[in-house]
Amino acid sequence: IRIIDYKSSDKNIDLNELISGTQIQLITYLDSMTEKEEAQPAAMLYFSLIDPVIKASKNKSDEEIKEELKKNFRMNGMILADIDIIKKMDKTLEKGSSASIPVYLDKDGNISKSRSNTVTKEEFTKLQKTAEKVIKQIAKEILEGSIDIKPAYYKKNKVDTCKYCEYKSICGFNPKVHEYLYIENKSKEEILELINVEE
């Protein structure tokens, strides 16, 4: 099962957000569908609907401009580290970077871990279980009537969700009184290792 979410902005999977509960939509859809269809997860991807503008010199051919456009429509997200699945998603990929999915194959046709956003079947399963735990925790807090003011603070770019919020005056969040929900800035490898330890 592959889930694609069409977005009017440029978005990618961030496992820091997944484990904190702020980005569980795609993994929840995937988990639900794989269970219903008794299938394995293949990918969760974002497709940007932003109309790209290509800066090109007069010397660029139509073919080169077409290639530039293709790169702009390349999906972001996470894919199962399975060469057969990958080649079903990009039938033209033999080596190098895929034009449509976040995968890079080396000269021997193997998946490059450092240049691809892939996870193993076991890692996908652990991410699904983690998302289930997060959802249960959120549900528990809702049922307990927890309505704490707790905006997210992203350690990666040092930005909080209050920055663009129109309801600041109503909410009354004060960092000297209230706590943030801190979104860590760990690598994919660190998070997968953390999930292994918690298991």
N, C-alpha and C. Protein backbone atom coordinates (compact mmCIF):
# COMPACT_ATOMS: atom_id res chain seq x y z
N ILE A 1 0.86 -1.19 0.00
CA ILE A 1 0.00 0.00 0.00
C ILE A 1 0.89 1.24 0.00
N ARG A 2 0.56 2.17 -0.89
CA ARG A 2 1.29 3.44 -0.95
C ARG A 2 0.27 4.56 -0.74
N ILE A 3 0.56 5.46 0.20
CA ILE A 3 -0.31 6.60 0.47
C ILE A 3 0.37 7.86 -0.07
N ILE A 4 -0.37 8.63 -0.88
CA ILE A 4 0.16 9.90 -1.39
C ILE A 4 -0.77 11.02 -0.95
N ASP A 5 -0.17 12.03 -0.32
CA ASP A 5 -0.93 13.20 0.13
C ASP A 5 -0.54 14.38 -0.77
N TYR A 6 -1.54 14.97 -1.42
CA TYR A 6 -1.29 16.11 -2.30
C TYR A 6 -1.33 17.39 -1.49
N LYS A 7 -0.25 18.16 -1.56
CA LYS A 7 -0.10 19.35 -0.73
C LYS A 7 0.07 20.62 -1.57
N SER A 8 -0.41 21.72 -1.02
CA SER A 8 -0.22 23.02 -1.70
C SER A 8 1.03 23.71 -1.14
N SER A 9 1.86 22.93 -0.44
CA SER A 9 3.14 23.44 0.07
C SER A 9 4.17 22.32 -0.05
N ASP A 10 5.42 22.67 0.15
CA ASP A 10 6.49 21.67 0.07
C ASP A 10 6.60 20.99 1.43
N LYS A 11 6.34 19.71 1.51
CA LYS A 11 6.33 19.01 2.79
C LYS A 11 7.11 17.70 2.69
N ASN A 12 7.67 17.28 3.82
CA ASN A 12 8.39 16.01 3.86
C ASN A 12 8.10 15.31 5.18
N ILE A 13 8.43 14.02 5.25
CA ILE A 13 8.25 13.26 6.48
C ILE A 13 9.38 13.64 7.44
N ASP A 14 9.01 13.98 8.66
CA ASP A 14 9.98 14.26 9.71
C ASP A 14 9.64 13.35 10.89
N LEU A 15 10.50 12.38 11.14
CA LEU A 15 10.23 11.40 12.20
C LEU A 15 10.21 12.05 13.58
N ASN A 16 10.87 13.21 13.73
CA ASN A 16 10.80 13.95 14.99
C ASN A 16 9.36 14.37 15.27
N GLU A 17 8.67 14.79 14.21
CA GLU A 17 7.27 15.19 14.34
C GLU A 17 6.36 13.98 14.55
N LEU A 18 6.71 12.87 13.88
CA LEU A 18 5.89 11.66 14.02
C LEU A 18 5.88 11.18 15.48
N ILE A 19 7.05 11.06 16.09
CA ILE A 19 7.09 10.53 17.45
C ILE A 19 6.52 11.50 18.49
N SER A 20 6.45 12.80 18.12
CA SER A 20 5.87 13.78 19.04
C SER A 20 4.35 13.92 18.84
N GLY A 21 3.83 13.31 17.76
CA GLY A 21 2.39 13.33 17.52
C GLY A 21 1.89 14.47 16.66
N THR A 22 2.80 15.24 16.05
CA THR A 22 2.36 16.37 15.23
C THR A 22 2.34 16.03 13.73
N GLN A 23 2.78 14.83 13.37
CA GLN A 23 2.74 14.41 11.97
C GLN A 23 2.45 12.92 11.89
N ILE A 24 1.21 12.56 12.21
CA ILE A 24 0.84 11.14 12.24
C ILE A 24 -0.22 10.77 11.21
N GLN A 25 -0.62 11.73 10.40
CA GLN A 25 -1.69 11.50 9.44
C GLN A 25 -1.36 10.38 8.44
N LEU A 26 -0.24 10.50 7.73
CA LEU A 26 0.08 9.52 6.69
C LEU A 26 0.33 8.13 7.25
N ILE A 27 1.07 8.04 8.36
CA ILE A 27 1.36 6.73 8.94
C ILE A 27 0.08 6.08 9.47
N THR A 28 -0.87 6.91 9.94
CA THR A 28 -2.15 6.38 10.43
C THR A 28 -2.96 5.82 9.27
N TYR A 29 -3.03 6.55 8.16
CA TYR A 29 -3.72 6.05 6.96
C TYR A 29 -3.08 4.75 6.50
N LEU A 30 -1.76 4.74 6.44
CA LEU A 30 -1.01 3.58 5.97
C LEU A 30 -1.26 2.37 6.87
N ASP A 31 -1.20 2.61 8.17
CA ASP A 31 -1.42 1.55 9.16
C ASP A 31 -2.82 0.96 9.01
N SER A 32 -3.80 1.83 8.88
CA SER A 32 -5.19 1.41 8.74
C SER A 32 -5.41 0.59 7.47
N MET A 33 -4.87 1.08 6.36
CA MET A 33 -5.05 0.39 5.07
C MET A 33 -4.31 -0.94 5.00
N THR A 34 -3.10 -0.98 5.54
CA THR A 34 -2.33 -2.25 5.49
C THR A 34 -3.02 -3.31 6.33
N GLU A 35 -3.63 -2.88 7.44
CA GLU A 35 -4.35 -3.83 8.30
C GLU A 35 -5.63 -4.31 7.59
N LYS A 36 -6.36 -3.37 7.01
CA LYS A 36 -7.62 -3.71 6.33
C LYS A 36 -7.39 -4.62 5.13
N GLU A 37 -6.37 -4.30 4.34
CA GLU A 37 -6.10 -5.05 3.11
C GLU A 37 -5.14 -6.22 3.32
N GLU A 38 -4.65 -6.38 4.56
CA GLU A 38 -3.64 -7.41 4.88
C GLU A 38 -2.47 -7.31 3.89
N ALA A 39 -1.96 -6.10 3.75
CA ALA A 39 -0.86 -5.82 2.82
C ALA A 39 0.30 -5.21 3.57
N GLN A 40 1.43 -5.09 2.91
CA GLN A 40 2.59 -4.47 3.55
C GLN A 40 2.70 -3.00 3.15
N PRO A 41 3.26 -2.17 4.02
CA PRO A 41 3.44 -0.75 3.67
C PRO A 41 4.53 -0.63 2.60
N ALA A 42 4.27 0.20 1.59
CA ALA A 42 5.27 0.41 0.53
C ALA A 42 5.82 1.83 0.58
N ALA A 43 4.95 2.82 0.87
CA ALA A 43 5.44 4.21 0.89
C ALA A 43 4.40 5.15 1.47
N MET A 44 4.89 6.24 2.05
CA MET A 44 4.03 7.37 2.42
C MET A 44 4.73 8.60 1.85
N LEU A 45 4.01 9.28 0.96
CA LEU A 45 4.63 10.34 0.16
C LEU A 45 3.79 11.60 0.11
N TYR A 46 4.49 12.71 -0.07
CA TYR A 46 3.84 14.01 -0.29
C TYR A 46 4.14 14.45 -1.71
N PHE A 47 3.08 14.89 -2.40
CA PHE A 47 3.23 15.41 -3.76
C PHE A 47 2.85 16.88 -3.73
N SER A 48 3.79 17.75 -4.09
CA SER A 48 3.55 19.19 -4.05
C SER A 48 2.80 19.65 -5.30
N LEU A 49 1.72 20.41 -5.08
CA LEU A 49 0.92 20.93 -6.18
C LEU A 49 1.34 22.35 -6.57
N ILE A 50 2.45 22.83 -5.99
CA ILE A 50 2.94 24.17 -6.33
C ILE A 50 3.43 24.16 -7.77
N ASP A 51 2.95 25.12 -8.54
CA ASP A 51 3.37 25.24 -9.94
C ASP A 51 4.78 25.81 -9.97
N PRO A 52 5.78 25.01 -10.37
CA PRO A 52 7.16 25.51 -10.31
C PRO A 52 7.50 26.50 -11.41
N VAL A 53 8.40 27.42 -11.08
CA VAL A 53 8.92 28.37 -12.07
C VAL A 53 10.38 27.96 -12.32
N ILE A 54 10.69 27.69 -13.55
CA ILE A 54 12.04 27.25 -13.89
C ILE A 54 12.85 28.44 -14.41
N LYS A 55 13.98 28.70 -13.74
CA LYS A 55 14.89 29.74 -14.21
C LYS A 55 15.83 29.09 -15.22
N ALA A 56 15.70 29.49 -16.45
CA ALA A 56 16.51 28.85 -17.49
C ALA A 56 17.12 29.89 -18.41
N SER A 57 18.33 29.58 -18.85
CA SER A 57 18.98 30.45 -19.83
C SER A 57 18.41 30.13 -21.22
N LYS A 58 18.65 31.00 -22.15
CA LYS A 58 18.15 30.79 -23.52
C LYS A 58 18.77 29.54 -24.15
N ASN A 59 19.93 29.13 -23.61
CA ASN A 59 20.64 27.98 -24.18
C ASN A 59 20.03 26.63 -23.79
N LYS A 60 19.14 26.64 -22.80
CA LYS A 60 18.56 25.36 -22.35
C LYS A 60 17.56 24.84 -23.38
N SER A 61 17.69 23.53 -23.64
CA SER A 61 16.77 22.90 -24.59
C SER A 61 15.44 22.59 -23.92
N ASP A 62 14.43 22.30 -24.72
CA ASP A 62 13.11 21.93 -24.18
C ASP A 62 13.23 20.69 -23.30
N GLU A 63 14.11 19.76 -23.70
CA GLU A 63 14.31 18.51 -22.95
C GLU A 63 14.90 18.80 -21.57
N GLU A 64 15.87 19.71 -21.52
CA GLU A 64 16.50 20.09 -20.24
C GLU A 64 15.49 20.78 -19.32
N ILE A 65 14.64 21.62 -19.90
CA ILE A 65 13.61 22.30 -19.11
C ILE A 65 12.61 21.28 -18.57
N LYS A 66 12.27 20.29 -19.41
CA LYS A 66 11.35 19.22 -18.99
C LYS A 66 11.92 18.45 -17.79
N GLU A 67 13.24 18.17 -17.86
CA GLU A 67 13.92 17.46 -16.77
C GLU A 67 13.90 18.28 -15.47
N GLU A 68 14.12 19.60 -15.61
CA GLU A 68 14.07 20.50 -14.45
C GLU A 68 12.68 20.48 -13.81
N LEU A 69 11.66 20.51 -14.66
CA LEU A 69 10.27 20.47 -14.17
C LEU A 69 10.01 19.16 -13.42
N LYS A 70 10.49 18.05 -13.99
CA LYS A 70 10.31 16.73 -13.37
C LYS A 70 10.88 16.71 -11.96
N LYS A 71 12.09 17.29 -11.81
CA LYS A 71 12.75 17.33 -10.49
C LYS A 71 11.89 18.07 -9.47
N ASN A 72 11.22 19.13 -9.92
CA ASN A 72 10.36 19.91 -9.03
C ASN A 72 9.13 19.14 -8.57
N PHE A 73 8.72 18.16 -9.35
CA PHE A 73 7.54 17.36 -8.99
C PHE A 73 7.92 16.03 -8.33
N ARG A 74 9.18 15.88 -7.98
CA ARG A 74 9.63 14.66 -7.29
C ARG A 74 8.98 14.63 -5.91
N MET A 75 8.40 13.49 -5.56
CA MET A 75 7.70 13.37 -4.27
C MET A 75 8.69 13.26 -3.12
N ASN A 76 8.27 13.76 -1.96
CA ASN A 76 9.02 13.61 -0.72
C ASN A 76 8.34 12.55 0.12
N GLY A 77 9.09 11.97 1.04
CA GLY A 77 8.47 11.00 1.94
C GLY A 77 9.38 9.84 2.26
N MET A 78 8.76 8.69 2.51
CA MET A 78 9.49 7.52 2.94
C MET A 78 9.02 6.29 2.19
N ILE A 79 9.97 5.46 1.77
CA ILE A 79 9.68 4.30 0.94
C ILE A 79 10.29 3.04 1.55
N LEU A 80 9.63 1.93 1.32
CA LEU A 80 10.15 0.64 1.76
C LEU A 80 11.45 0.35 1.00
N ALA A 81 12.49 -0.07 1.74
CA ALA A 81 13.79 -0.37 1.13
C ALA A 81 13.74 -1.73 0.45
N ASP A 82 13.03 -1.76 -0.65
CA ASP A 82 12.84 -3.00 -1.41
C ASP A 82 12.94 -2.63 -2.89
N ILE A 83 13.96 -3.16 -3.55
CA ILE A 83 14.25 -2.76 -4.93
C ILE A 83 13.08 -3.06 -5.87
N ASP A 84 12.36 -4.16 -5.63
CA ASP A 84 11.21 -4.51 -6.50
C ASP A 84 10.10 -3.47 -6.36
N ILE A 85 9.82 -3.08 -5.11
CA ILE A 85 8.78 -2.06 -4.85
C ILE A 85 9.20 -0.74 -5.50
N ILE A 86 10.46 -0.37 -5.32
CA ILE A 86 10.98 0.89 -5.87
C ILE A 86 10.83 0.91 -7.39
N LYS A 87 11.15 -0.21 -8.04
CA LYS A 87 11.08 -0.25 -9.51
C LYS A 87 9.64 -0.31 -10.02
N LYS A 88 8.71 -0.65 -9.14
CA LYS A 88 7.29 -0.58 -9.53
C LYS A 88 6.80 0.87 -9.46
N MET A 89 7.44 1.66 -8.60
CA MET A 89 7.07 3.07 -8.48
C MET A 89 7.77 3.94 -9.52
N ASP A 90 8.97 3.53 -9.92
CA ASP A 90 9.69 4.25 -10.98
C ASP A 90 10.25 3.22 -11.94
N LYS A 91 9.48 2.93 -12.98
CA LYS A 91 9.81 1.84 -13.91
C LYS A 91 11.04 2.14 -14.77
N THR A 92 11.46 3.40 -14.82
CA THR A 92 12.62 3.76 -15.65
C THR A 92 13.93 3.79 -14.86
N LEU A 93 13.86 3.65 -13.55
CA LEU A 93 15.05 3.80 -12.70
C LEU A 93 15.96 2.57 -12.77
N GLU A 94 17.19 2.79 -13.21
CA GLU A 94 18.21 1.73 -13.23
C GLU A 94 19.35 2.08 -12.29
N LYS A 95 19.77 3.35 -12.34
CA LYS A 95 20.80 3.85 -11.42
C LYS A 95 20.67 5.37 -11.34
N GLY A 96 21.27 5.93 -10.29
CA GLY A 96 21.18 7.37 -10.08
C GLY A 96 19.91 7.75 -9.34
N SER A 97 19.57 9.03 -9.44
CA SER A 97 18.44 9.57 -8.69
C SER A 97 17.13 9.38 -9.44
N SER A 98 16.10 8.95 -8.71
CA SER A 98 14.77 8.80 -9.31
C SER A 98 14.18 10.18 -9.57
N ALA A 99 13.43 10.29 -10.67
CA ALA A 99 12.79 11.56 -11.01
C ALA A 99 11.48 11.74 -10.26
N SER A 100 10.95 10.67 -9.66
CA SER A 100 9.63 10.78 -9.05
C SER A 100 9.57 10.45 -7.56
N ILE A 101 10.51 9.67 -7.04
CA ILE A 101 10.48 9.26 -5.62
C ILE A 101 11.84 9.52 -4.97
N PRO A 102 11.88 9.64 -3.62
CA PRO A 102 13.14 9.98 -2.95
C PRO A 102 14.10 8.79 -2.79
N VAL A 103 14.58 8.30 -3.93
CA VAL A 103 15.47 7.13 -3.94
C VAL A 103 16.64 7.37 -4.90
N TYR A 104 17.81 6.86 -4.49
CA TYR A 104 19.00 6.93 -5.34
C TYR A 104 19.60 5.52 -5.40
N LEU A 105 19.83 5.03 -6.62
CA LEU A 105 20.47 3.72 -6.81
C LEU A 105 21.91 3.93 -7.24
N ASP A 106 22.83 3.19 -6.60
CA ASP A 106 24.25 3.31 -6.97
C ASP A 106 24.52 2.65 -8.33
N LYS A 107 25.78 2.65 -8.75
CA LYS A 107 26.12 2.15 -10.09
C LYS A 107 25.81 0.66 -10.27
N ASP A 108 25.72 -0.07 -9.14
CA ASP A 108 25.37 -1.49 -9.21
C ASP A 108 23.86 -1.73 -9.10
N GLY A 109 23.11 -0.64 -8.99
CA GLY A 109 21.65 -0.77 -8.90
C GLY A 109 21.13 -1.04 -7.51
N ASN A 110 21.99 -0.83 -6.49
CA ASN A 110 21.58 -1.01 -5.10
C ASN A 110 21.11 0.31 -4.50
N ILE A 111 20.25 0.24 -3.48
CA ILE A 111 19.73 1.44 -2.83
C ILE A 111 20.84 2.11 -2.03
N SER A 112 21.04 3.39 -2.27
CA SER A 112 22.01 4.16 -1.48
C SER A 112 21.29 4.67 -0.24
N LYS A 113 21.68 4.16 0.93
CA LYS A 113 21.02 4.55 2.19
C LYS A 113 21.15 6.03 2.48
N SER A 114 22.34 6.57 2.23
CA SER A 114 22.60 7.97 2.56
C SER A 114 21.87 8.95 1.63
N ARG A 115 21.53 8.51 0.42
CA ARG A 115 20.92 9.41 -0.56
C ARG A 115 19.45 9.06 -0.84
N SER A 116 18.90 8.13 -0.06
CA SER A 116 17.50 7.73 -0.23
C SER A 116 16.78 7.85 1.10
N ASN A 117 15.48 8.07 1.04
CA ASN A 117 14.70 8.09 2.28
C ASN A 117 13.90 6.80 2.35
N THR A 118 14.59 5.74 2.78
CA THR A 118 13.99 4.41 2.85
C THR A 118 14.07 3.84 4.25
N VAL A 119 13.16 2.91 4.55
CA VAL A 119 13.19 2.16 5.80
C VAL A 119 12.90 0.69 5.49
N THR A 120 13.40 -0.19 6.33
CA THR A 120 13.14 -1.62 6.14
C THR A 120 11.71 -1.94 6.56
N LYS A 121 11.28 -3.15 6.24
CA LYS A 121 9.94 -3.61 6.62
C LYS A 121 9.78 -3.57 8.14
N GLU A 122 10.82 -4.01 8.86
CA GLU A 122 10.80 -4.03 10.33
C GLU A 122 10.70 -2.61 10.89
N GLU A 123 11.44 -1.67 10.29
CA GLU A 123 11.40 -0.28 10.74
C GLU A 123 10.04 0.35 10.48
N PHE A 124 9.44 0.02 9.33
CA PHE A 124 8.10 0.50 9.02
C PHE A 124 7.12 0.02 10.09
N THR A 125 7.22 -1.26 10.45
CA THR A 125 6.33 -1.85 11.47
C THR A 125 6.50 -1.13 12.80
N LYS A 126 7.76 -0.84 13.17
CA LYS A 126 8.03 -0.14 14.43
C LYS A 126 7.46 1.28 14.41
N LEU A 127 7.56 1.95 13.25
CA LEU A 127 6.99 3.30 13.13
C LEU A 127 5.47 3.25 13.26
N GLN A 128 4.85 2.22 12.69
CA GLN A 128 3.40 2.06 12.79
C GLN A 128 2.99 1.84 14.26
N LYS A 129 3.74 1.00 14.96
CA LYS A 129 3.45 0.74 16.39
C LYS A 129 3.65 2.00 17.22
N THR A 130 4.68 2.78 16.89
CA THR A 130 4.93 4.03 17.60
C THR A 130 3.78 5.00 17.40
N ALA A 131 3.30 5.10 16.15
CA ALA A 131 2.16 5.99 15.85
C ALA A 131 0.92 5.55 16.63
N GLU A 132 0.70 4.24 16.73
CA GLU A 132 -0.45 3.72 17.49
C GLU A 132 -0.35 4.13 18.96
N LYS A 133 0.85 4.03 19.53
CA LYS A 133 1.08 4.43 20.94
C LYS A 133 0.78 5.92 21.12
N VAL A 134 1.26 6.73 20.18
CA VAL A 134 1.06 8.18 20.24
C VAL A 134 -0.43 8.50 20.19
N ILE A 135 -1.17 7.84 19.29
CA ILE A 135 -2.62 8.07 19.15
C ILE A 135 -3.34 7.68 20.45
N LYS A 136 -2.95 6.56 21.04
CA LYS A 136 -3.58 6.12 22.31
C LYS A 136 -3.32 7.14 23.41
N GLN A 137 -2.10 7.69 23.44
CA GLN A 137 -1.76 8.69 24.46
C GLN A 137 -2.59 9.97 24.26
N ILE A 138 -2.72 10.40 23.00
CA ILE A 138 -3.52 11.59 22.69
C ILE A 138 -4.97 11.37 23.09
N ALA A 139 -5.50 10.18 22.74
CA ALA A 139 -6.90 9.84 23.08
C ALA A 139 -7.10 9.85 24.59
N LYS A 140 -6.13 9.31 25.33
CA LYS A 140 -6.20 9.27 26.80
C LYS A 140 -6.26 10.70 27.37
N GLU A 141 -5.40 11.57 26.82
CA GLU A 141 -5.37 12.96 27.29
C GLU A 141 -6.69 13.68 26.99
N ILE A 142 -7.27 13.40 25.84
CA ILE A 142 -8.57 14.02 25.47
C ILE A 142 -9.64 13.56 26.45
N LEU A 143 -9.68 12.25 26.71
CA LEU A 143 -10.70 11.69 27.62
C LEU A 143 -10.52 12.18 29.05
N GLU A 144 -9.29 12.50 29.42
CA GLU A 144 -9.02 13.02 30.76
C GLU A 144 -9.28 14.53 30.85
N GLY A 145 -9.64 15.14 29.71
CA GLY A 145 -9.95 16.56 29.69
C GLY A 145 -8.74 17.47 29.68
N SER A 146 -7.60 16.94 29.23
CA SER A 146 -6.38 17.73 29.19
C SER A 146 -6.45 18.76 28.06
N ILE A 147 -6.43 20.04 28.42
CA ILE A 147 -6.47 21.12 27.41
C ILE A 147 -5.35 22.13 27.67
N ASP A 148 -4.20 21.61 28.09
CA ASP A 148 -3.05 22.48 28.36
C ASP A 148 -2.65 23.28 27.13
N ILE A 149 -2.21 24.50 27.37
CA ILE A 149 -1.65 25.33 26.29
C ILE A 149 -0.22 24.83 26.10
N LYS A 150 0.02 24.19 24.95
CA LYS A 150 1.34 23.61 24.73
C LYS A 150 1.71 23.64 23.24
N PRO A 151 2.06 24.82 22.72
CA PRO A 151 2.44 24.90 21.30
C PRO A 151 3.76 24.19 21.03
N ALA A 152 3.90 23.74 19.80
CA ALA A 152 5.14 23.05 19.42
C ALA A 152 6.28 24.04 19.20
N TYR A 153 7.47 23.63 19.64
CA TYR A 153 8.68 24.41 19.40
C TYR A 153 9.67 23.50 18.68
N TYR A 154 10.05 23.90 17.46
CA TYR A 154 10.92 23.09 16.62
C TYR A 154 12.39 23.43 16.86
N LYS A 155 13.12 22.50 17.45
CA LYS A 155 14.53 22.74 17.77
C LYS A 155 15.38 22.91 16.50
N LYS A 156 14.92 22.29 15.40
CA LYS A 156 15.67 22.33 14.15
C LYS A 156 15.87 23.77 13.65
N ASN A 157 14.77 24.53 13.58
CA ASN A 157 14.89 25.91 13.08
C ASN A 157 14.54 26.97 14.12
N LYS A 158 14.42 26.52 15.40
CA LYS A 158 14.16 27.42 16.53
C LYS A 158 12.92 28.30 16.30
N VAL A 159 11.84 27.65 15.84
CA VAL A 159 10.57 28.34 15.56
C VAL A 159 9.46 27.64 16.32
N ASP A 160 8.52 28.43 16.86
CA ASP A 160 7.36 27.82 17.51
C ASP A 160 6.11 28.06 16.67
N THR A 161 5.07 27.28 16.96
CA THR A 161 3.84 27.36 16.17
C THR A 161 3.06 28.65 16.45
N CYS A 162 3.47 29.42 17.44
CA CYS A 162 2.81 30.69 17.75
C CYS A 162 3.16 31.77 16.72
N LYS A 163 4.28 31.57 16.03
CA LYS A 163 4.80 32.61 15.13
C LYS A 163 3.75 33.13 14.13
N TYR A 164 2.98 32.22 13.53
CA TYR A 164 2.00 32.62 12.53
C TYR A 164 0.55 32.46 13.01
N CYS A 165 0.37 32.24 14.30
CA CYS A 165 -0.97 31.99 14.84
C CYS A 165 -1.76 33.29 14.98
N GLU A 166 -3.02 33.24 14.54
CA GLU A 166 -3.89 34.41 14.60
C GLU A 166 -4.59 34.55 15.96
N TYR A 167 -4.44 33.54 16.81
CA TYR A 167 -5.19 33.51 18.06
C TYR A 167 -4.32 33.72 19.30
N LYS A 168 -3.16 34.33 19.13
CA LYS A 168 -2.24 34.55 20.26
C LYS A 168 -2.90 35.28 21.42
N SER A 169 -3.66 36.30 21.09
CA SER A 169 -4.29 37.11 22.14
C SER A 169 -5.35 36.32 22.91
N ILE A 170 -6.00 35.38 22.25
CA ILE A 170 -7.02 34.56 22.92
C ILE A 170 -6.36 33.47 23.76
N CYS A 171 -5.35 32.83 23.18
CA CYS A 171 -4.66 31.71 23.83
C CYS A 171 -3.94 32.14 25.11
N GLY A 172 -3.22 33.24 25.02
CA GLY A 172 -2.50 33.74 26.20
C GLY A 172 -1.27 32.95 26.57
N PHE A 173 -0.66 32.27 25.58
CA PHE A 173 0.56 31.49 25.88
C PHE A 173 1.69 32.41 26.30
N ASN A 174 2.35 32.01 27.40
CA ASN A 174 3.48 32.76 27.93
C ASN A 174 4.59 31.75 28.24
N PRO A 175 5.72 31.80 27.53
CA PRO A 175 6.79 30.81 27.76
C PRO A 175 7.36 30.83 29.18
N LYS A 176 7.10 31.91 29.93
CA LYS A 176 7.58 31.96 31.32
C LYS A 176 6.66 31.18 32.26
N VAL A 177 5.43 30.95 31.79
CA VAL A 177 4.43 30.26 32.62
C VAL A 177 4.12 28.86 32.08
N HIS A 178 3.97 28.77 30.75
CA HIS A 178 3.58 27.51 30.11
C HIS A 178 4.78 26.78 29.52
N GLU A 179 4.56 25.52 29.18
CA GLU A 179 5.62 24.71 28.56
C GLU A 179 5.36 24.51 27.08
N TYR A 180 6.43 24.41 26.32
CA TYR A 180 6.34 24.05 24.89
C TYR A 180 6.30 22.52 24.76
N LEU A 181 5.78 22.07 23.63
CA LEU A 181 5.97 20.68 23.21
C LEU A 181 7.20 20.74 22.31
N TYR A 182 8.34 20.31 22.83
CA TYR A 182 9.59 20.42 22.07
C TYR A 182 9.70 19.32 21.02
N ILE A 183 9.91 19.73 19.78
CA ILE A 183 10.12 18.79 18.69
C ILE A 183 11.63 18.70 18.48
N GLU A 184 12.17 17.52 18.74
CA GLU A 184 13.62 17.32 18.67
C GLU A 184 14.15 17.47 17.25
N ASN A 185 15.46 17.46 17.14
CA ASN A 185 16.11 17.55 15.82
C ASN A 185 17.07 16.38 15.67
N LYS A 186 16.53 15.17 15.82
CA LYS A 186 17.34 13.96 15.71
C LYS A 186 17.32 13.44 14.27
N SER A 187 18.35 12.71 13.90
CA SER A 187 18.39 12.12 12.56
C SER A 187 17.44 10.93 12.49
N LYS A 188 17.12 10.51 11.29
CA LYS A 188 16.26 9.34 11.09
C LYS A 188 16.85 8.12 11.80
N GLU A 189 18.18 7.96 11.68
CA GLU A 189 18.87 6.82 12.30
C GLU A 189 18.74 6.85 13.83
N GLU A 190 18.89 8.05 14.42
CA GLU A 190 18.76 8.19 15.88
C GLU A 190 17.36 7.82 16.35
N ILE A 191 16.35 8.25 15.60
CA ILE A 191 14.96 7.97 15.99
C ILE A 191 14.65 6.49 15.85
N LEU A 192 15.11 5.87 14.76
CA LEU A 192 14.87 4.43 14.60
C LEU A 192 15.56 3.65 15.70
N GLU A 193 16.74 4.10 16.12
CA GLU A 193 17.47 3.46 17.22
C GLU A 193 16.70 3.64 18.53
N LEU A 194 16.17 4.83 18.75
CA LEU A 194 15.38 5.15 19.94
C LEU A 194 14.15 4.25 20.02
N ILE A 195 13.47 4.07 18.89
CA ILE A 195 12.28 3.21 18.83
C ILE A 195 12.67 1.77 19.17
N ASN A 196 13.84 1.30 18.68
CA ASN A 196 14.32 -0.05 19.00
C ASN A 196 14.53 -0.24 20.48
N VAL A 197 15.12 0.78 21.14
CA VAL A 197 15.40 0.72 22.57
C VAL A 197 14.09 0.68 23.36
N GLU A 198 13.11 1.52 22.94
CA GLU A 198 11.82 1.57 23.64
C GLU A 198 11.01 0.29 23.50
N GLU A 199 11.24 -0.46 22.43
CA GLU A 199 10.53 -1.72 22.23
C GLU A 199 10.90 -2.67 23.36
